[in-house]
Amino acid sequence: MAEDAASKHRIPVIDRMMEVLTQLERRANGVTISELVAQLDMPRTTIYRILNTLQLHDMVRRDDGGAYHLGRRLLRLASHVAAGASPFDLASIAQPFLEQIAAQLGEGTKLSVIDHEGILVLAAAQGRREYALTVAPGQRMPIHAGAASKLLIAHLPEEEQANWLERPLMAFTSKSITDPKRLANELTRIKRLGWAQDKGENAPSIHAFAAPVFDKSGTMIAALSVPFLAGAEPSRMEEIRLAVIEAARALSDAIPG
């Protein structure tokens, strides 16, 4: 009975929109309007109007070849889903701390979490310095390359960590760690240190420091990190490292019990 009642109150145009999004989800290389017409029982004009509307809202994007892909706004929406998985809004709690460290250092800063798909940037604040790196919520980062990524996987239970290490590890730069045993050793070292460093593993010109954010039970729930351009003086790097550790501690203290 409940299913019958729900069916009576459905909105057909949203059903059709979801069919279009589902096709885009299945095709990593994108889908053209002609392909959608062949796959879906819809008129071409209906599909065009749906895509055009979704594109206006940044829910889909059209490439130079005319194929449509899922848009960046879906990543931002996904970040709120991750926040909603906990009993508190982690992104909202973290934002003032991110803004504070961005103002203090002049560098962009971000808060990252791990879910079943990998590493997700949950919240971010932009730096004020010239050449400060831009960071944005909703970005997906590689599981094994980067300070925040390594820190998050380092704190996983042993079985979960092993599952991630069994997957192919892509080399983004010469600094990327692609050997599972070497990466496992690095993760052990990071957990012992209590912070992580990226020396150009994801992009040659980008370095970073990350520190863990814990809840009241002592479980790591996020990584706070600051990326910066390679070539910084040692004293500047130490300033960033200490600021990241302090900000992560302060944020941990602010997490509700």
Protein backbone atom coordinates (compact mmCIF):
# COMPACT_ATOMS: atom_id res chain seq x y z
CA MET A 1 0.00 0.00 0.00
CA ALA A 2 2.78 2.41 0.88
CA GLU A 3 4.46 1.79 -2.48
CA ASP A 4 1.18 2.43 -4.31
CA ALA A 5 0.71 5.71 -2.46
CA ALA A 6 4.26 6.77 -3.25
CA SER A 7 3.77 5.97 -6.93
CA LYS A 8 0.73 8.23 -7.09
CA HIS A 9 2.78 11.19 -5.86
CA ARG A 10 5.77 10.87 -8.18
CA ILE A 11 6.81 13.69 -10.52
CA PRO A 12 7.37 12.26 -14.02
CA VAL A 13 9.84 14.91 -15.15
CA ILE A 14 12.09 14.13 -12.17
CA ASP A 15 11.88 10.43 -13.00
CA ARG A 16 13.04 11.26 -16.54
CA MET A 17 15.82 13.49 -15.21
CA MET A 18 17.06 10.65 -12.99
CA GLU A 19 17.07 8.29 -15.98
CA VAL A 20 19.33 10.74 -17.82
CA LEU A 21 21.66 11.13 -14.83
CA THR A 22 21.83 7.36 -14.42
CA GLN A 23 23.04 6.99 -18.01
CA LEU A 24 25.71 9.64 -17.42
CA GLU A 25 26.76 7.86 -14.24
CA ARG A 26 27.33 4.62 -16.16
CA ARG A 27 29.41 6.19 -18.93
CA ALA A 28 32.69 7.68 -17.73
CA ASN A 29 33.48 8.98 -21.24
CA GLY A 30 30.20 10.87 -21.48
CA VAL A 31 27.02 10.38 -23.48
CA THR A 32 25.72 12.33 -26.47
CA ILE A 33 22.09 13.31 -26.97
CA SER A 34 21.82 10.83 -29.84
CA GLU A 35 23.05 8.01 -27.58
CA LEU A 36 20.57 9.01 -24.89
CA VAL A 37 17.73 9.01 -27.42
CA ALA A 38 18.71 5.47 -28.41
CA GLN A 39 18.96 4.30 -24.80
CA LEU A 40 15.92 6.01 -23.29
CA ASP A 41 12.28 6.01 -24.26
CA MET A 42 12.12 9.80 -24.51
CA PRO A 43 11.78 12.37 -27.30
CA ARG A 44 14.98 14.14 -28.31
CA THR A 45 13.51 17.53 -27.34
CA THR A 46 12.74 16.27 -23.82
CA ILE A 47 16.29 14.98 -23.33
CA TYR A 48 17.71 18.23 -24.68
CA ARG A 49 15.61 20.32 -22.29
CA ILE A 50 16.57 18.16 -19.32
CA LEU A 51 20.27 18.39 -20.16
CA ASN A 52 20.08 22.11 -20.79
CA THR A 53 18.41 22.70 -17.44
CA LEU A 54 20.86 20.48 -15.59
CA GLN A 55 23.77 22.25 -17.29
CA LEU A 56 22.47 25.64 -16.13
CA HIS A 57 22.65 24.32 -12.57
CA ASP A 58 26.13 22.81 -13.10
CA MET A 59 24.71 19.32 -12.56
CA VAL A 60 26.04 18.22 -15.95
CA ARG A 61 28.63 19.61 -18.35
CA ARG A 62 29.07 19.32 -22.11
CA ASP A 63 32.53 18.65 -23.55
CA ASP A 64 33.93 19.94 -26.84
CA GLY A 65 32.85 16.75 -28.60
CA GLY A 66 29.21 17.20 -27.63
CA ALA A 67 29.12 14.49 -24.94
CA TYR A 68 27.56 15.20 -21.56
CA HIS A 69 29.15 14.32 -18.21
CA LEU A 70 28.13 14.63 -14.57
CA GLY A 71 28.84 18.13 -13.29
CA ARG A 72 30.91 19.49 -10.43
CA ARG A 73 27.92 20.55 -8.36
CA LEU A 74 27.18 16.88 -7.72
CA LEU A 75 30.54 16.66 -5.95
CA ARG A 76 29.59 19.57 -3.69
CA LEU A 77 26.29 17.87 -2.92
CA ALA A 78 28.17 14.65 -2.18
CA SER A 79 30.27 16.46 0.42
CA HIS A 80 27.08 17.29 2.35
CA VAL A 81 26.00 13.66 2.19
CA ALA A 82 29.29 12.68 3.82
CA ALA A 83 28.72 15.30 6.50
CA GLY A 84 25.24 13.98 7.13
CA ALA A 85 26.62 10.51 7.83
CA SER A 86 27.69 11.71 11.29
CA PRO A 87 25.45 13.08 14.07
CA PHE A 88 26.96 16.56 13.59
CA ASP A 89 27.80 18.79 10.64
CA LEU A 90 31.56 18.38 10.48
CA ALA A 91 31.98 20.77 7.56
CA SER A 92 30.21 23.60 9.40
CA ILE A 93 32.16 23.01 12.60
CA ALA A 94 35.45 22.95 10.71
CA GLN A 95 34.90 26.02 8.53
CA PRO A 96 35.93 28.67 11.11
CA PHE A 97 39.12 26.74 11.86
CA LEU A 98 39.92 26.47 8.16
CA GLU A 99 39.30 30.18 7.68
CA GLN A 100 41.51 31.00 10.65
CA ILE A 101 44.49 29.00 9.45
CA ALA A 102 44.04 30.31 5.88
CA ALA A 103 44.18 33.87 7.26
CA GLN A 104 47.15 33.02 9.49
CA LEU A 105 49.27 31.37 6.80
CA GLY A 106 47.84 32.93 3.67
CA GLU A 107 47.57 29.46 2.14
CA GLY A 108 44.48 27.51 1.14
CA THR A 109 43.42 24.82 3.59
CA LYS A 110 41.06 21.86 3.43
CA LEU A 111 39.35 19.18 5.47
CA SER A 112 39.25 15.70 3.94
CA VAL A 113 37.42 12.51 4.87
CA ILE A 114 37.46 8.95 3.61
CA ASP A 115 34.43 7.00 2.41
CA HIS A 116 33.82 3.87 0.34
CA GLU A 117 34.86 5.71 -2.84
CA GLY A 118 38.09 7.16 -1.46
CA ILE A 119 39.17 10.61 -0.32
CA LEU A 120 36.70 13.51 -0.41
CA VAL A 121 37.42 17.18 0.31
CA LEU A 122 34.62 18.04 2.72
CA ALA A 123 35.36 21.73 3.37
CA ALA A 124 37.95 24.32 2.34
CA ALA A 125 39.08 27.90 2.78
CA GLN A 126 41.00 29.96 0.25
CA GLY A 127 44.40 31.51 0.92
CA ARG A 128 45.20 35.21 0.63
CA ARG A 129 48.83 34.97 -0.43
CA GLU A 130 49.89 35.45 -4.03
CA TYR A 131 50.07 32.04 -5.73
CA ALA A 132 48.07 30.39 -2.93
CA LEU A 133 46.65 27.12 -4.21
CA THR A 134 42.91 26.92 -4.82
CA VAL A 135 41.03 24.17 -3.04
CA ALA A 136 37.32 23.36 -3.28
CA PRO A 137 34.84 21.13 -1.45
CA GLY A 138 33.71 18.10 -3.41
CA GLN A 139 37.09 17.30 -4.97
CA ARG A 140 38.09 13.65 -5.04
CA MET A 141 41.75 12.92 -4.28
CA PRO A 142 43.83 9.77 -4.85
CA ILE A 143 43.84 7.39 -1.90
CA HIS A 144 47.63 6.98 -1.76
CA ALA A 145 49.08 10.28 -3.01
CA GLY A 146 48.95 13.32 -0.76
CA ALA A 147 49.38 14.19 2.90
CA ALA A 148 45.69 14.05 3.87
CA SER A 149 45.10 10.87 1.88
CA LYS A 150 47.98 8.99 3.49
CA LEU A 151 46.99 10.17 6.94
CA LEU A 152 43.40 9.01 6.53
CA ILE A 153 44.32 5.58 5.22
CA ALA A 154 47.01 5.23 7.90
CA HIS A 155 44.33 5.40 10.61
CA LEU A 156 42.02 2.83 9.06
CA PRO A 157 41.54 -0.58 10.68
CA GLU A 158 44.10 -3.07 9.40
CA GLU A 159 41.67 -5.01 7.21
CA GLU A 160 40.23 -1.88 5.55
CA GLN A 161 43.70 -0.50 4.93
CA ALA A 162 44.77 -3.79 3.35
CA ASN A 163 41.76 -3.68 1.02
CA TRP A 164 42.81 -0.26 -0.27
CA LEU A 165 46.44 -1.35 -0.70
CA GLU A 166 45.34 -4.27 -2.86
CA ARG A 167 43.98 -1.88 -5.48
CA PRO A 168 46.16 -0.51 -8.32
CA LEU A 169 48.26 2.42 -7.13
CA MET A 170 48.79 4.91 -9.94
CA ALA A 171 51.98 6.95 -10.29
CA PHE A 172 51.09 10.63 -10.66
CA THR A 173 54.69 11.81 -10.28
CA SER A 174 58.08 10.26 -9.57
CA LYS A 175 57.34 10.80 -5.87
CA SER A 176 54.14 8.72 -5.88
CA ILE A 177 54.38 5.54 -3.81
CA THR A 178 52.98 2.69 -5.90
CA ASP A 179 54.51 -0.32 -4.13
CA PRO A 180 52.02 -1.62 -1.51
CA LYS A 181 54.73 -2.75 0.93
CA ARG A 182 56.53 0.57 0.76
CA LEU A 183 53.26 2.43 1.18
CA ALA A 184 52.33 0.27 4.18
CA ASN A 185 55.65 1.19 5.79
CA GLU A 186 55.01 4.86 5.08
CA LEU A 187 51.56 4.63 6.66
CA THR A 188 53.00 3.03 9.79
CA ARG A 189 55.54 5.85 10.05
CA ILE A 190 52.84 8.51 9.56
CA LYS A 191 50.64 7.06 12.29
CA ARG A 192 53.60 7.05 14.66
CA LEU A 193 54.52 10.66 13.84
CA GLY A 194 50.95 11.95 14.11
CA TRP A 195 51.14 14.02 10.91
CA ALA A 196 51.84 13.50 7.19
CA GLN A 197 53.78 15.26 4.46
CA ASP A 198 53.39 15.36 0.70
CA LYS A 199 56.56 16.16 -1.24
CA GLY A 200 54.99 16.27 -4.69
CA GLU A 201 53.26 12.88 -4.87
CA ASN A 202 50.09 14.06 -6.62
CA ALA A 203 51.57 17.01 -8.55
CA PRO A 204 55.30 17.85 -8.77
CA SER A 205 54.89 21.48 -7.72
CA ILE A 206 52.52 20.91 -4.79
CA HIS A 207 53.64 19.99 -1.28
CA ALA A 208 51.45 19.72 1.83
CA PHE A 209 51.23 18.93 5.52
CA ALA A 210 48.25 17.20 7.16
CA ALA A 211 47.23 16.48 10.76
CA PRO A 212 44.44 14.27 12.15
CA VAL A 213 41.09 15.40 13.55
CA PHE A 214 39.72 13.10 16.24
CA ASP A 215 36.28 12.75 17.79
CA LYS A 216 35.74 12.40 21.54
CA SER A 217 36.24 8.62 21.38
CA GLY A 218 39.71 9.08 19.87
CA THR A 219 38.69 7.93 16.40
CA MET A 220 40.19 9.87 13.50
CA ILE A 221 37.33 11.38 11.50
CA ALA A 222 39.10 13.78 9.13
CA ALA A 223 42.42 15.23 8.03
CA LEU A 224 43.16 18.95 8.07
CA SER A 225 45.79 19.89 5.52
CA VAL A 226 47.50 22.86 3.91
CA PRO A 227 48.88 22.50 0.37
CA PHE A 228 51.55 24.93 -0.81
CA LEU A 229 53.90 25.43 -3.73
CA ALA A 230 57.19 23.55 -3.72
CA GLY A 231 60.32 25.58 -3.00
CA ALA A 232 59.28 27.01 0.37
CA GLU A 233 62.08 27.72 2.83
CA PRO A 234 62.54 25.17 5.65
CA SER A 235 61.44 27.74 8.23
CA ARG A 236 58.24 28.40 6.27
CA MET A 237 57.55 24.69 5.97
CA GLU A 238 57.96 24.25 9.71
CA GLU A 239 55.59 27.17 10.30
CA ILE A 240 52.96 25.47 8.14
CA ARG A 241 53.47 22.06 9.77
CA LEU A 242 53.08 23.41 13.31
CA ALA A 243 50.05 25.52 12.35
CA VAL A 244 48.34 22.51 10.78
CA ILE A 245 48.93 20.37 13.87
CA GLU A 246 47.63 23.08 16.19
CA ALA A 247 44.53 23.76 14.07
CA ALA A 248 43.70 20.05 13.90
CA ARG A 249 43.99 19.78 17.69
CA ALA A 250 41.76 22.80 18.20
CA LEU A 251 39.16 21.39 15.79
CA SER A 252 39.30 18.02 17.56
CA ASP A 253 38.52 19.78 20.86
CA ALA A 254 35.48 21.42 19.22
CA ILE A 255 33.94 18.14 18.03
CA PRO A 256 30.76 17.39 20.05
CA GLY A 257 30.81 14.43 22.42
